Amino acid sequence: MPTDPYFVWNVTSWSMGAHDHDPRNKHPMFHTKLIVYPGYKHGLDSSHASLVYYPFDSYQSQIIAFAQDATTNKSVPLVLNSATALFPTSSSGFKIKTDNLSEKPDYLKDMKPGHRVINVLVTIECSALVIVYCLVITFTFWLVTLMSSLIMIATVVFGFRQRNEIVVIPAGTVFAFTQLRSSMPGATEGLGDILDFAGILPCLILLSISAVTMVGIYLFADPDHPSRRSFTWSELENALHHYIQPIWITAQEWVRRARFRIMTAGRILRAPHNVEILLTDIAHENQA
């Protein structure tokens, strides 16, 4: 237990001031350091106190304060009237939650009269606005990636006509994603959180494949050549039917062969019928 006080307050001098009842009067303030530690909600293995879990990371800190009279060394009860943010949440994107443990009945039951202390559990986590923004950005990554992949498939695989301006979109999107990801408040400088593994990293892989394929098609053909078919729903349906029909026929053939082999195996493993053999009295026939 510390013996030197962090803060000494002359209550008599402050209360006897000229503006002791003025709410604008300057209250005494002091600063101290808080240790932030992981918050375990459901066991030791479920702590989210790491930037890997951004924007769902959560940290905790605990404030314990007690007071003594400097003349008598007797304990002075402390009561927490309000708990405000430790730093501005509007600019930092964090949300502060305080749980006053010293006001709970179980805690007060163990405290002696006149020995009340302040025991507050502080939880620091990203605000709901930051979480929604990060999820919307990740969802946008996937929408743009899927659209670029569909354009690549329609142009390269099915051979549809495509304008040259659209062909270069996947290459430019690869660099735009990294800039958009850096706009997430509080995100790490490098890639490595759960949103990166669920969003930007697989999207960058698909976009890189689409960019290389769309640029490489110029080595063999012109995507905007008039001889290529225009992209319409009827043409897309015919192209899908052309590719899906052989697959469907092959699948039906495999199913037919599998059924035939199952029936053949069932006949082989089936138990044979019992054959009755009539026995005759050979000794009686010899005597006759």
C-alpha atoms as a PDB file:
ATOM      1  CA  MET A   1       0.000   0.000   0.000  1.00  0.00           C
ATOM      2  CA  PRO A   2       1.465   3.427  -0.900  1.00  0.00           C
ATOM      3  CA  THR A   3       2.382   5.747   1.960  1.00  0.00           C
ATOM      4  CA  ASP A   4       2.962   8.974   0.026  1.00  0.00           C
ATOM      5  CA  PRO A   5      -0.238  10.572  -1.310  1.00  0.00           C
ATOM      6  CA  TYR A   6      -0.528  11.356  -5.011  1.00  0.00           C
ATOM      7  CA  PHE A   7      -2.550  14.455  -4.282  1.00  0.00           C
ATOM      8  CA  VAL A   8      -3.030  16.697  -1.222  1.00  0.00           C
ATOM      9  CA  TRP A   9      -6.187  18.770  -1.042  1.00  0.00           C
ATOM     10  CA  ASN A  10      -6.804  21.528   1.488  1.00  0.00           C
ATOM     11  CA  VAL A  11     -10.562  21.171   1.771  1.00  0.00           C
ATOM     12  CA  THR A  12     -10.935  23.947   4.360  1.00  0.00           C
ATOM     13  CA  SER A  13      -9.159  26.530   2.241  1.00  0.00           C
ATOM     14  CA  TRP A  14     -11.124  25.565  -0.881  1.00  0.00           C
ATOM     15  CA  SER A  15     -14.525  25.593   0.854  1.00  0.00           C
ATOM     16  CA  MET A  16     -13.920  28.970   2.488  1.00  0.00           C
ATOM     17  CA  GLY A  17     -13.161  30.634  -0.829  1.00  0.00           C
ATOM     18  CA  ALA A  18     -15.112  33.532  -2.251  1.00  0.00           C
ATOM     19  CA  HIS A  19     -16.828  31.341  -4.843  1.00  0.00           C
ATOM     20  CA  ASP A  20     -17.206  28.088  -2.962  1.00  0.00           C
ATOM     21  CA  HIS A  21     -20.770  27.525  -4.267  1.00  0.00           C
ATOM     22  CA  ASP A  22     -20.119  28.795  -7.765  1.00  0.00           C
ATOM     23  CA  PRO A  23     -20.256  25.842 -10.224  1.00  0.00           C
ATOM     24  CA  ARG A  24     -17.767  27.713 -12.393  1.00  0.00           C
ATOM     25  CA  ASN A  25     -15.237  27.644  -9.589  1.00  0.00           C
ATOM     26  CA  LYS A  26     -12.056  25.842 -10.533  1.00  0.00           C
ATOM     27  CA  HIS A  27     -11.997  22.416  -8.953  1.00  0.00           C
ATOM     28  CA  PRO A  28      -8.708  20.832  -7.942  1.00  0.00           C
ATOM     29  CA  MET A  29      -7.331  18.358 -10.471  1.00  0.00           C
ATOM     30  CA  PHE A  30      -4.553  15.802 -10.522  1.00  0.00           C
ATOM     31  CA  HIS A  31      -3.188  13.395 -13.107  1.00  0.00           C
ATOM     32  CA  THR A  32      -2.025   9.824 -12.749  1.00  0.00           C
ATOM     33  CA  LYS A  33      -1.109   6.939 -15.025  1.00  0.00           C
ATOM     34  CA  LEU A  34      -3.428   4.013 -15.683  1.00  0.00           C
ATOM     35  CA  ILE A  35      -2.313   0.529 -16.642  1.00  0.00           C
ATOM     36  CA  VAL A  36      -4.336  -0.935 -19.500  1.00  0.00           C
ATOM     37  CA  TYR A  37      -4.681  -4.716 -19.449  1.00  0.00           C
ATOM     38  CA  PRO A  38      -6.624  -7.327 -21.431  1.00  0.00           C
ATOM     39  CA  GLY A  39     -10.261  -7.785 -20.543  1.00  0.00           C
ATOM     40  CA  TYR A  40     -11.194 -11.453 -20.217  1.00  0.00           C
ATOM     41  CA  LYS A  41     -14.921 -11.882 -20.688  1.00  0.00           C
ATOM     42  CA  HIS A  42     -15.281 -15.621 -21.123  1.00  0.00           C
ATOM     43  CA  GLY A  43     -12.021 -17.124 -19.948  1.00  0.00           C
ATOM     44  CA  LEU A  44      -8.356 -16.590 -20.598  1.00  0.00           C
ATOM     45  CA  ASP A  45      -8.549 -17.461 -24.287  1.00  0.00           C
ATOM     46  CA  SER A  46     -11.191 -14.905 -25.325  1.00  0.00           C
ATOM     47  CA  SER A  47      -9.422 -11.615 -24.711  1.00  0.00           C
ATOM     48  CA  HIS A  48      -9.773  -9.046 -27.512  1.00  0.00           C
ATOM     49  CA  ALA A  49      -7.103  -6.700 -26.166  1.00  0.00           C
ATOM     50  CA  SER A  50      -5.079  -6.674 -29.362  1.00  0.00           C
ATOM     51  CA  LEU A  51      -5.079  -4.722 -32.608  1.00  0.00           C
ATOM     52  CA  VAL A  52      -5.523  -8.037 -34.399  1.00  0.00           C
ATOM     53  CA  TYR A  53      -9.214  -7.866 -33.431  1.00  0.00           C
ATOM     54  CA  TYR A  54      -9.670  -4.298 -34.732  1.00  0.00           C
ATOM     55  CA  PRO A  55     -12.310  -2.799 -34.718  1.00  0.00           C
ATOM     56  CA  PHE A  56     -13.649  -5.203 -32.081  1.00  0.00           C
ATOM     57  CA  ASP A  57     -10.637  -4.859 -29.772  1.00  0.00           C
ATOM     58  CA  SER A  58     -11.334  -4.013 -26.139  1.00  0.00           C
ATOM     59  CA  TYR A  59      -9.099  -2.913 -23.265  1.00  0.00           C
ATOM     60  CA  GLN A  60      -9.662  -2.439 -19.567  1.00  0.00           C
ATOM     61  CA  SER A  61      -8.183  -0.422 -16.744  1.00  0.00           C
ATOM     62  CA  GLN A  62      -9.073  -0.112 -13.076  1.00  0.00           C
ATOM     63  CA  ILE A  63      -9.095   3.005 -10.903  1.00  0.00           C
ATOM     64  CA  ILE A  64      -8.801   2.518  -7.137  1.00  0.00           C
ATOM     65  CA  ALA A  65      -8.603   5.610  -4.926  1.00  0.00           C
ATOM     66  CA  PHE A  66      -8.843   6.125  -1.175  1.00  0.00           C
ATOM     67  CA  ALA A  67      -8.288   9.132   1.102  1.00  0.00           C
ATOM     68  CA  GLN A  68      -7.013   9.825   4.598  1.00  0.00           C
ATOM     69  CA  ASP A  69      -7.108  12.827   6.873  1.00  0.00           C
ATOM     70  CA  ALA A  70      -3.584  14.281   7.063  1.00  0.00           C
ATOM     71  CA  THR A  71      -3.961  15.217  10.751  1.00  0.00           C
ATOM     72  CA  THR A  72      -5.620  12.094  12.170  1.00  0.00           C
ATOM     73  CA  ASN A  73      -4.622   9.492   9.525  1.00  0.00           C
ATOM     74  CA  LYS A  74      -8.203   8.253   9.542  1.00  0.00           C
ATOM     75  CA  SER A  75      -9.898   7.085   6.381  1.00  0.00           C
ATOM     76  CA  VAL A  76     -12.188   9.499   4.592  1.00  0.00           C
ATOM     77  CA  PRO A  77     -15.038   8.030   2.529  1.00  0.00           C
ATOM     78  CA  LEU A  78     -14.997   8.790  -1.186  1.00  0.00           C
ATOM     79  CA  VAL A  79     -17.971   8.771  -3.542  1.00  0.00           C
ATOM     80  CA  LEU A  80     -17.808   8.935  -7.351  1.00  0.00           C
ATOM     81  CA  ASN A  81     -20.403  11.409  -8.609  1.00  0.00           C
ATOM     82  CA  SER A  82     -19.727  11.147 -12.350  1.00  0.00           C
ATOM     83  CA  ALA A  83     -17.373   9.448 -14.782  1.00  0.00           C
ATOM     84  CA  THR A  84     -16.551  11.223 -18.018  1.00  0.00           C
ATOM     85  CA  ALA A  85     -14.377  10.177 -20.926  1.00  0.00           C
ATOM     86  CA  LEU A  86     -10.675   9.934 -20.283  1.00  0.00           C
ATOM     87  CA  PHE A  87      -9.959  11.406 -23.713  1.00  0.00           C
ATOM     88  CA  PRO A  88     -12.161  12.952 -26.403  1.00  0.00           C
ATOM     89  CA  THR A  89     -14.079  10.132 -28.077  1.00  0.00           C
ATOM     90  CA  SER A  90     -15.275  12.276 -30.993  1.00  0.00           C
ATOM     91  CA  SER A  91     -11.779  12.627 -32.433  1.00  0.00           C
ATOM     92  CA  SER A  92     -10.219   9.351 -31.311  1.00  0.00           C
ATOM     93  CA  GLY A  93     -13.075   7.023 -32.265  1.00  0.00           C
ATOM     94  CA  PHE A  94     -13.038   5.219 -28.908  1.00  0.00           C
ATOM     95  CA  LYS A  95     -15.880   4.591 -26.500  1.00  0.00           C
ATOM     96  CA  ILE A  96     -15.387   4.683 -22.734  1.00  0.00           C
ATOM     97  CA  LYS A  97     -17.553   2.590 -20.419  1.00  0.00           C
ATOM     98  CA  THR A  98     -17.209   2.809 -16.643  1.00  0.00           C
ATOM     99  CA  ASP A  99     -18.479   0.299 -14.106  1.00  0.00           C
ATOM    100  CA  ASN A 100     -18.470   1.636 -10.551  1.00  0.00           C
ATOM    101  CA  LEU A 101     -17.674  -1.485  -8.552  1.00  0.00           C
ATOM    102  CA  SER A 102     -17.645   0.407  -5.255  1.00  0.00           C
ATOM    103  CA  GLU A 103     -21.398   1.068  -5.517  1.00  0.00           C
ATOM    104  CA  LYS A 104     -22.412  -2.574  -5.842  1.00  0.00           C
ATOM    105  CA  PRO A 105     -24.132  -4.168  -2.810  1.00  0.00           C
ATOM    106  CA  ASP A 106     -21.657  -7.054  -2.591  1.00  0.00           C
ATOM    107  CA  TYR A 107     -18.771  -4.614  -2.502  1.00  0.00           C
ATOM    108  CA  LEU A 108     -20.387  -2.319   0.091  1.00  0.00           C
ATOM    109  CA  LYS A 109     -21.145  -5.271   2.343  1.00  0.00           C
ATOM    110  CA  ASP A 110     -17.434  -5.933   2.865  1.00  0.00           C
ATOM    111  CA  MET A 111     -16.532  -2.283   3.517  1.00  0.00           C
ATOM    112  CA  LYS A 112     -16.471  -0.783   6.985  1.00  0.00           C
ATOM    113  CA  PRO A 113     -18.351   2.476   7.678  1.00  0.00           C
ATOM    114  CA  GLY A 114     -16.194   5.467   6.854  1.00  0.00           C
ATOM    115  CA  HIS A 115     -13.783   3.413   4.715  1.00  0.00           C
ATOM    116  CA  ARG A 116     -15.500   3.733   1.354  1.00  0.00           C
ATOM    117  CA  VAL A 117     -13.141   3.911  -1.604  1.00  0.00           C
ATOM    118  CA  ILE A 118     -13.516   4.483  -5.329  1.00  0.00           C
ATOM    119  CA  ASN A 119     -13.171   1.331  -7.418  1.00  0.00           C
ATOM    120  CA  VAL A 120     -14.032   1.856 -11.068  1.00  0.00           C
ATOM    121  CA  LEU A 121     -13.542  -0.547 -13.976  1.00  0.00           C
ATOM    122  CA  VAL A 122     -12.903   1.326 -17.233  1.00  0.00           C
ATOM    123  CA  THR A 123     -13.476  -0.376 -20.595  1.00  0.00           C
ATOM    124  CA  ILE A 124     -12.036   1.186 -23.749  1.00  0.00           C
ATOM    125  CA  GLU A 125     -13.297   0.028 -27.143  1.00  0.00           C
ATOM    126  CA  CYS A 126     -14.062   1.373 -30.580  1.00  0.00           C
ATOM    127  CA  SER A 127     -17.257   3.332 -30.962  1.00  0.00           C
ATOM    128  CA  ALA A 128     -20.234   1.965 -32.859  1.00  0.00           C
ATOM    129  CA  LEU A 129     -19.710   4.526 -35.635  1.00  0.00           C
ATOM    130  CA  VAL A 130     -16.158   3.282 -36.246  1.00  0.00           C
ATOM    131  CA  ILE A 131     -17.301  -0.358 -36.307  1.00  0.00           C
ATOM    132  CA  VAL A 132     -20.095   0.389 -38.790  1.00  0.00           C
ATOM    133  CA  TYR A 133     -17.727   2.407 -40.990  1.00  0.00           C
ATOM    134  CA  CYS A 134     -15.158  -0.408 -41.087  1.00  0.00           C
ATOM    135  CA  LEU A 135     -17.815  -3.015 -41.911  1.00  0.00           C
ATOM    136  CA  VAL A 136     -19.250  -0.848 -44.704  1.00  0.00           C
ATOM    137  CA  ILE A 137     -15.775  -0.332 -46.171  1.00  0.00           C
ATOM    138  CA  THR A 138     -15.098  -4.086 -46.046  1.00  0.00           C
ATOM    139  CA  PHE A 139     -18.460  -4.813 -47.699  1.00  0.00           C
ATOM    140  CA  THR A 140     -17.615  -2.269 -50.400  1.00  0.00           C
ATOM    141  CA  PHE A 141     -14.300  -4.028 -51.009  1.00  0.00           C
ATOM    142  CA  TRP A 142     -16.130  -7.262 -51.745  1.00  0.00           C
ATOM    143  CA  LEU A 143     -18.725  -5.640 -54.013  1.00  0.00           C
ATOM    144  CA  VAL A 144     -16.078  -3.945 -56.148  1.00  0.00           C
ATOM    145  CA  THR A 145     -13.980  -7.119 -56.237  1.00  0.00           C
ATOM    146  CA  LEU A 146     -16.883  -9.320 -57.320  1.00  0.00           C
ATOM    147  CA  MET A 147     -17.908  -6.873 -60.038  1.00  0.00           C
ATOM    148  CA  SER A 148     -14.337  -6.683 -61.356  1.00  0.00           C
ATOM    149  CA  SER A 149     -14.066 -10.478 -61.300  1.00  0.00           C
ATOM    150  CA  LEU A 150     -17.325 -10.825 -63.242  1.00  0.00           C
ATOM    151  CA  ILE A 151     -16.072  -8.339 -65.838  1.00  0.00           C
ATOM    152  CA  MET A 152     -12.854 -10.337 -66.177  1.00  0.00           C
ATOM    153  CA  ILE A 153     -14.757 -13.627 -66.576  1.00  0.00           C
ATOM    154  CA  ALA A 154     -17.138 -12.146 -69.153  1.00  0.00           C
ATOM    155  CA  THR A 155     -14.272 -10.654 -71.170  1.00  0.00           C
ATOM    156  CA  VAL A 156     -11.607 -13.359 -70.957  1.00  0.00           C
ATOM    157  CA  VAL A 157     -13.523 -16.609 -70.440  1.00  0.00           C
ATOM    158  CA  PHE A 158     -16.709 -15.984 -72.431  1.00  0.00           C
ATOM    159  CA  GLY A 159     -15.136 -13.624 -74.980  1.00  0.00           C
ATOM    160  CA  PHE A 160     -17.582 -10.733 -74.703  1.00  0.00           C
ATOM    161  CA  ARG A 161     -16.727  -7.314 -76.030  1.00  0.00           C
ATOM    162  CA  GLN A 162     -15.554  -4.806 -73.425  1.00  0.00           C
ATOM    163  CA  ARG A 163     -14.483  -1.187 -73.627  1.00  0.00           C
ATOM    164  CA  ASN A 164     -10.824  -0.444 -73.020  1.00  0.00           C
ATOM    165  CA  GLU A 165     -11.660   2.002 -70.220  1.00  0.00           C
ATOM    166  CA  ILE A 166     -13.308  -0.732 -68.167  1.00  0.00           C
ATOM    167  CA  VAL A 167     -10.541  -3.241 -68.769  1.00  0.00           C
ATOM    168  CA  VAL A 168      -8.047  -1.194 -66.722  1.00  0.00           C
ATOM    169  CA  ILE A 169     -10.392  -0.797 -63.715  1.00  0.00           C
ATOM    170  CA  PRO A 170      -9.045  -3.817 -61.739  1.00  0.00           C
ATOM    171  CA  ALA A 171      -5.483  -2.500 -61.992  1.00  0.00           C
ATOM    172  CA  GLY A 172      -6.457   0.889 -60.567  1.00  0.00           C
ATOM    173  CA  THR A 173      -8.656  -0.617 -57.860  1.00  0.00           C
ATOM    174  CA  VAL A 174      -5.718  -2.505 -56.338  1.00  0.00           C
ATOM    175  CA  PHE A 175      -4.052   0.770 -55.338  1.00  0.00           C
ATOM    176  CA  ALA A 176      -7.321   2.476 -54.375  1.00  0.00           C
ATOM    177  CA  PHE A 177      -8.131  -0.232 -51.815  1.00  0.00           C
ATOM    178  CA  THR A 178      -4.975   0.391 -49.807  1.00  0.00           C
ATOM    179  CA  GLN A 179      -5.727   4.119 -49.657  1.00  0.00           C
ATOM    180  CA  LEU A 180      -9.307   3.490 -48.571  1.00  0.00           C
ATOM    181  CA  ARG A 181      -8.187   1.046 -45.901  1.00  0.00           C
ATOM    182  CA  SER A 182      -5.900   3.673 -44.352  1.00  0.00           C
ATOM    183  CA  SER A 183      -8.960   5.870 -43.706  1.00  0.00           C
ATOM    184  CA  MET A 184     -10.226   3.496 -41.003  1.00  0.00           C
ATOM    185  CA  PRO A 185      -9.851   5.308 -37.639  1.00  0.00           C
ATOM    186  CA  GLY A 186      -7.381   3.633 -35.309  1.00  0.00           C
ATOM    187  CA  ALA A 187      -6.350   0.905 -37.754  1.00  0.00           C
ATOM    188  CA  THR A 188      -2.804  -0.437 -37.791  1.00  0.00           C
ATOM    189  CA  GLU A 189      -0.345   0.831 -40.380  1.00  0.00           C
ATOM    190  CA  GLY A 190       0.270  -2.630 -41.812  1.00  0.00           C
ATOM    191  CA  LEU A 191      -2.155  -5.376 -42.737  1.00  0.00           C
ATOM    192  CA  GLY A 192      -2.952  -7.937 -40.067  1.00  0.00           C
ATOM    193  CA  ASP A 193      -6.307  -7.464 -38.317  1.00  0.00           C
ATOM    194  CA  ILE A 194      -9.392  -9.611 -38.760  1.00  0.00           C
ATOM    195  CA  LEU A 195     -10.963  -7.236 -41.276  1.00  0.00           C
ATOM    196  CA  ASP A 196      -7.844  -7.521 -43.432  1.00  0.00           C
ATOM    197  CA  PHE A 197      -8.032 -11.316 -43.456  1.00  0.00           C
ATOM    198  CA  ALA A 198     -11.776 -11.257 -44.111  1.00  0.00           C
ATOM    199  CA  GLY A 199     -11.822  -8.387 -46.576  1.00  0.00           C
ATOM    200  CA  ILE A 200      -8.903  -6.590 -48.131  1.00  0.00           C
ATOM    201  CA  LEU A 201      -6.403  -9.469 -48.395  1.00  0.00           C
ATOM    202  CA  PRO A 202      -8.637 -11.922 -50.337  1.00  0.00           C
ATOM    203  CA  CYS A 203      -9.980  -8.995 -52.356  1.00  0.00           C
ATOM    204  CA  LEU A 204      -6.456  -7.921 -53.285  1.00  0.00           C
ATOM    205  CA  ILE A 205      -5.672 -11.472 -54.423  1.00  0.00           C
ATOM    206  CA  LEU A 206      -8.748 -11.607 -56.667  1.00  0.00           C
ATOM    207  CA  LEU A 207      -8.144  -8.098 -57.987  1.00  0.00           C
ATOM    208  CA  SER A 208      -4.506  -8.902 -58.749  1.00  0.00           C
ATOM    209  CA  ILE A 209      -5.561 -11.966 -60.739  1.00  0.00           C
ATOM    210  CA  SER A 210      -8.187  -9.908 -62.577  1.00  0.00           C
ATOM    211  CA  ALA A 211      -5.724  -7.094 -63.287  1.00  0.00           C
ATOM    212  CA  VAL A 212      -3.056  -9.428 -64.674  1.00  0.00           C
ATOM    213  CA  THR A 213      -5.617 -11.286 -66.785  1.00  0.00           C
ATOM    214  CA  MET A 214      -7.269  -8.155 -68.145  1.00  0.00           C
ATOM    215  CA  VAL A 215      -3.936  -6.570 -69.060  1.00  0.00           C
ATOM    216  CA  GLY A 216      -2.572  -9.818 -70.484  1.00  0.00           C
ATOM    217  CA  ILE A 217      -5.525 -10.232 -72.845  1.00  0.00           C
ATOM    218  CA  TYR A 218      -4.062  -7.478 -75.022  1.00  0.00           C
ATOM    219  CA  LEU A 219      -1.249  -9.861 -75.944  1.00  0.00           C
ATOM    220  CA  PHE A 220      -3.700 -12.138 -77.761  1.00  0.00           C
ATOM    221  CA  ALA A 221      -6.789 -10.102 -78.655  1.00  0.00           C
ATOM    222  CA  ASP A 222      -8.455  -6.714 -78.581  1.00  0.00           C
ATOM    223  CA  PRO A 223     -11.319  -6.722 -76.051  1.00  0.00           C
ATOM    224  CA  ASP A 224     -12.999  -3.810 -77.856  1.00  0.00           C
ATOM    225  CA  HIS A 225     -12.876  -5.375 -81.329  1.00  0.00           C
ATOM    226  CA  PRO A 226     -16.237  -5.160 -83.204  1.00  0.00           C
ATOM    227  CA  SER A 227     -16.099  -8.866 -84.062  1.00  0.00           C
ATOM    228  CA  ARG A 228     -16.535  -9.831 -80.411  1.00  0.00           C
ATOM    229  CA  ARG A 229     -20.054 -10.373 -79.056  1.00  0.00           C
ATOM    230  CA  SER A 230     -21.674  -7.620 -77.040  1.00  0.00           C
ATOM    231  CA  PHE A 231     -22.486  -8.397 -73.434  1.00  0.00           C
ATOM    232  CA  THR A 232     -26.260  -9.003 -73.202  1.00  0.00           C
ATOM    233  CA  TRP A 233     -28.355 -11.247 -70.979  1.00  0.00           C
ATOM    234  CA  SER A 234     -29.329 -13.511 -73.874  1.00  0.00           C
ATOM    235  CA  GLU A 235     -25.696 -13.921 -74.914  1.00  0.00           C
ATOM    236  CA  LEU A 236     -24.720 -14.599 -71.304  1.00  0.00           C
ATOM    237  CA  GLU A 237     -27.450 -17.231 -71.010  1.00  0.00           C
ATOM    238  CA  ASN A 238     -26.298 -18.948 -74.198  1.00  0.00           C
ATOM    239  CA  ALA A 239     -22.679 -18.893 -73.041  1.00  0.00           C
ATOM    240  CA  LEU A 240     -23.560 -20.342 -69.658  1.00  0.00           C
ATOM    241  CA  HIS A 241     -25.685 -23.012 -71.318  1.00  0.00           C
ATOM    242  CA  HIS A 242     -22.785 -23.877 -73.617  1.00  0.00           C
ATOM    243  CA  TYR A 243     -20.429 -24.417 -70.667  1.00  0.00           C
ATOM    244  CA  ILE A 244     -22.897 -25.925 -68.205  1.00  0.00           C
ATOM    245  CA  GLN A 245     -24.478 -28.498 -70.541  1.00  0.00           C
ATOM    246  CA  PRO A 246     -21.330 -30.694 -70.885  1.00  0.00           C
ATOM    247  CA  ILE A 247     -20.818 -30.537 -67.132  1.00  0.00           C
ATOM    248  CA  TRP A 248     -24.431 -31.589 -66.542  1.00  0.00           C
ATOM    249  CA  ILE A 249     -24.157 -34.489 -68.995  1.00  0.00           C
ATOM    250  CA  THR A 250     -20.920 -35.669 -67.370  1.00  0.00           C
ATOM    251  CA  ALA A 251     -22.481 -35.477 -63.904  1.00  0.00           C
ATOM    252  CA  GLN A 252     -25.481 -37.530 -65.054  1.00  0.00           C
ATOM    253  CA  GLU A 253     -23.131 -40.150 -66.521  1.00  0.00           C
ATOM    254  CA  TRP A 254     -21.213 -40.399 -63.244  1.00  0.00           C
ATOM    255  CA  VAL A 255     -24.466 -40.818 -61.314  1.00  0.00           C
ATOM    256  CA  ARG A 256     -25.602 -43.581 -63.689  1.00  0.00           C
ATOM    257  CA  ARG A 257     -22.297 -45.434 -63.298  1.00  0.00           C
ATOM    258  CA  ALA A 258     -22.387 -45.057 -59.527  1.00  0.00           C
ATOM    259  CA  ARG A 259     -25.908 -46.516 -59.366  1.00  0.00           C
ATOM    260  CA  PHE A 260     -24.891 -49.430 -61.585  1.00  0.00           C
ATOM    261  CA  ARG A 261     -21.888 -50.254 -59.406  1.00  0.00           C
ATOM    262  CA  ILE A 262     -23.963 -50.022 -56.225  1.00  0.00           C
ATOM    263  CA  MET A 263     -26.535 -52.429 -57.648  1.00  0.00           C
ATOM    264  CA  THR A 264     -23.788 -54.821 -58.786  1.00  0.00           C
ATOM    265  CA  ALA A 265     -22.129 -54.760 -55.371  1.00  0.00           C
ATOM    266  CA  GLY A 266     -25.494 -55.427 -53.710  1.00  0.00           C
ATOM    267  CA  ARG A 267     -26.057 -58.519 -55.827  1.00  0.00           C
ATOM    268  CA  ILE A 268     -22.601 -59.877 -55.026  1.00  0.00           C
ATOM    269  CA  LEU A 269     -22.930 -59.318 -51.291  1.00  0.00           C
ATOM    270  CA  ARG A 270     -26.454 -60.720 -51.121  1.00  0.00           C
ATOM    271  CA  ALA A 271     -26.668 -63.986 -49.075  1.00  0.00           C
ATOM    272  CA  PRO A 272     -27.235 -67.172 -51.170  1.00  0.00           C
ATOM    273  CA  HIS A 273     -30.488 -69.139 -50.944  1.00  0.00           C
ATOM    274  CA  ASN A 274     -30.580 -72.181 -48.645  1.00  0.00           C
ATOM    275  CA  VAL A 275     -30.641 -75.495 -50.562  1.00  0.00           C
ATOM    276  CA  GLU A 276     -32.359 -78.506 -48.896  1.00  0.00           C
ATOM    277  CA  ILE A 277     -30.755 -81.932 -49.489  1.00  0.00           C
ATOM    278  CA  LEU A 278     -32.867 -85.006 -48.711  1.00  0.00           C
ATOM    279  CA  LEU A 279     -30.992 -87.764 -46.853  1.00  0.00           C
ATOM    280  CA  THR A 280     -31.797 -91.451 -47.574  1.00  0.00           C
ATOM    281  CA  ASP A 281     -31.221 -94.534 -45.442  1.00  0.00           C
ATOM    282  CA  ILE A 282     -28.439 -96.210 -47.427  1.00  0.00           C
ATOM    283  CA  ALA A 283     -28.022 -99.106 -44.943  1.00  0.00           C
ATOM    284  CA  HIS A 284     -31.694-100.126 -45.242  1.00  0.00           C
ATOM    285  CA  GLU A 285     -31.474-100.175 -49.034  1.00  0.00           C
ATOM    286  CA  ASN A 286     -28.352-102.460 -48.941  1.00  0.00           C
ATOM    287  CA  GLN A 287     -30.151-105.054 -46.760  1.00  0.00           C
ATOM    288  CA  ALA A 288     -32.960-105.175 -49.216  1.00  0.00           C
END
